[in-house]
Amino acid sequence: MLDILFRQDVLEFIVIAGIFITIFGLFWRIILIGAGMLLCFTVLANHQRTDAPTQKEEVKIIEEVNIPTPIVIQVPDKVVDPRRVEYIGDCVRYGFTRQWCEDNWDGKTVEKE
């Protein structure tokens, strides 16, 4: 029985266990407080917002916001071609005058003096 106790690996284990028990016995409160703080820090550092949109959702939201609204002109006597309205809206956005865009769509030639 004493042969087992005096083996090198058993004596090393007893010494290391004794050191661990002594340190834990002296500083157990500080060790538990530190472990608790480490746990709290780890949980808070890995926090992910549940209400924040993902990157794909943000791109979708931006695309939805940038959709231009169509310009609708209602004339009671005439039937308005929706392609004409879209063309004139785009033409005006590119910097041309509204009258020039309408004349260009209607096929009127504007002569320069």
Protein backbone atom coordinates (compact mmCIF):
# COMPACT_ATOMS: atom_id res chain seq x y z
CA MET A 1 0.00 0.00 0.00
CA LEU A 2 2.84 2.41 0.77
CA ASP A 3 4.40 1.55 -2.56
CA ILE A 4 1.40 3.09 -4.31
CA LEU A 5 1.54 6.27 -2.17
CA PHE A 6 5.27 6.84 -2.73
CA ARG A 7 5.18 6.61 -6.51
CA GLN A 8 6.27 9.79 -8.29
CA ASP A 9 3.02 10.50 -10.18
CA VAL A 10 0.86 10.03 -7.06
CA LEU A 11 3.07 12.36 -5.00
CA GLU A 12 2.93 15.00 -7.77
CA PHE A 13 -0.87 14.74 -7.85
CA ILE A 14 -1.07 15.14 -4.05
CA VAL A 15 1.20 18.21 -4.11
CA ILE A 16 -0.71 19.86 -6.98
CA ALA A 17 -4.08 19.07 -5.36
CA GLY A 18 -2.81 20.49 -2.06
CA ILE A 19 -1.69 23.71 -3.71
CA PHE A 20 -5.04 24.02 -5.52
CA ILE A 21 -7.05 23.36 -2.34
CA THR A 22 -4.95 25.89 -0.39
CA ILE A 23 -5.32 28.61 -3.02
CA PHE A 24 -9.03 27.94 -3.46
CA GLY A 25 -9.52 27.85 0.31
CA LEU A 26 -7.83 31.21 0.80
CA PHE A 27 -9.26 33.04 -2.22
CA TRP A 28 -12.56 31.23 -2.93
CA ARG A 29 -14.63 34.43 -2.71
CA ILE A 30 -12.40 36.32 -5.12
CA ILE A 31 -12.33 33.36 -7.52
CA LEU A 32 -16.13 33.07 -7.51
CA ILE A 33 -16.57 36.83 -8.00
CA GLY A 34 -14.09 36.79 -10.88
CA ALA A 35 -15.80 33.80 -12.50
CA GLY A 36 -19.17 35.53 -12.15
CA MET A 37 -17.84 38.74 -13.68
CA LEU A 38 -16.26 36.77 -16.53
CA LEU A 39 -19.58 35.04 -17.16
CA CYS A 40 -21.46 38.37 -17.18
CA PHE A 41 -18.91 39.95 -19.50
CA THR A 42 -19.09 36.99 -21.89
CA VAL A 43 -22.89 37.08 -22.01
CA LEU A 44 -23.04 40.84 -22.56
CA ALA A 45 -20.24 40.81 -25.15
CA ASN A 46 -22.10 38.24 -27.27
CA HIS A 47 -25.42 40.09 -27.16
CA GLN A 48 -27.24 40.29 -30.48
CA ARG A 49 -30.09 42.72 -31.02
CA THR A 50 -33.31 40.99 -31.97
CA ASP A 51 -34.98 44.10 -33.39
CA ALA A 52 -32.08 45.07 -35.67
CA PRO A 53 -32.61 44.09 -39.32
CA THR A 54 -30.06 41.88 -40.96
CA GLN A 55 -27.92 43.16 -43.82
CA LYS A 56 -30.22 41.60 -46.44
CA GLU A 57 -33.25 43.24 -44.84
CA GLU A 58 -31.45 46.61 -44.76
CA VAL A 59 -30.74 46.37 -48.50
CA LYS A 60 -34.39 45.47 -49.14
CA ILE A 61 -35.57 48.42 -47.04
CA ILE A 62 -33.23 50.79 -48.91
CA GLU A 63 -34.47 49.47 -52.27
CA GLU A 64 -38.07 49.97 -51.17
CA VAL A 65 -37.36 53.55 -50.11
CA ASN A 66 -35.60 54.49 -53.37
CA ILE A 67 -38.48 53.41 -55.63
CA PRO A 68 -39.65 56.55 -57.42
CA THR A 69 -43.33 57.29 -57.28
CA PRO A 70 -45.00 57.50 -60.69
CA ILE A 71 -46.28 60.88 -61.84
CA VAL A 72 -49.96 60.62 -62.67
CA ILE A 73 -51.62 63.43 -64.57
CA GLN A 74 -55.37 63.15 -64.93
CA VAL A 75 -56.97 65.01 -67.81
CA PRO A 76 -60.74 64.51 -67.96
CA ASP A 77 -61.13 64.95 -71.75
CA LYS A 78 -58.07 63.00 -72.93
CA VAL A 79 -56.85 59.49 -72.35
CA VAL A 80 -53.34 59.72 -70.92
CA ASP A 81 -50.85 57.11 -72.03
CA PRO A 82 -48.99 55.87 -68.92
CA ARG A 83 -45.80 55.50 -71.00
CA ARG A 84 -46.03 59.19 -71.90
CA VAL A 85 -46.30 60.16 -68.23
CA GLU A 86 -43.29 58.00 -67.38
CA TYR A 87 -41.26 59.38 -70.30
CA ILE A 88 -42.02 63.01 -69.41
CA GLY A 89 -41.20 62.40 -65.74
CA ASP A 90 -37.86 60.83 -66.65
CA CYS A 91 -37.13 63.54 -69.22
CA VAL A 92 -37.77 66.33 -66.69
CA ARG A 93 -35.57 64.54 -64.13
CA TYR A 94 -32.72 64.56 -66.65
CA GLY A 95 -32.91 68.34 -66.79
CA PHE A 96 -35.03 69.12 -69.86
CA THR A 97 -38.01 71.46 -69.72
CA ARG A 98 -41.46 69.95 -69.42
CA GLN A 99 -42.64 71.62 -72.63
CA TRP A 100 -39.69 70.25 -74.62
CA CYS A 101 -40.33 66.75 -73.26
CA GLU A 102 -44.03 66.90 -74.15
CA ASP A 103 -43.26 68.19 -77.65
CA ASN A 104 -40.64 65.47 -78.13
CA TRP A 105 -43.12 62.74 -77.13
CA ASP A 106 -45.89 64.16 -79.31
CA GLY A 107 -43.56 64.27 -82.30
CA LYS A 108 -43.64 68.03 -82.72
CA THR A 109 -40.48 69.50 -84.08
CA VAL A 110 -39.11 72.51 -82.31
CA GLU A 111 -37.36 74.85 -84.72
CA LYS A 112 -34.52 76.97 -83.43
CA GLU A 113 -34.38 80.57 -84.51
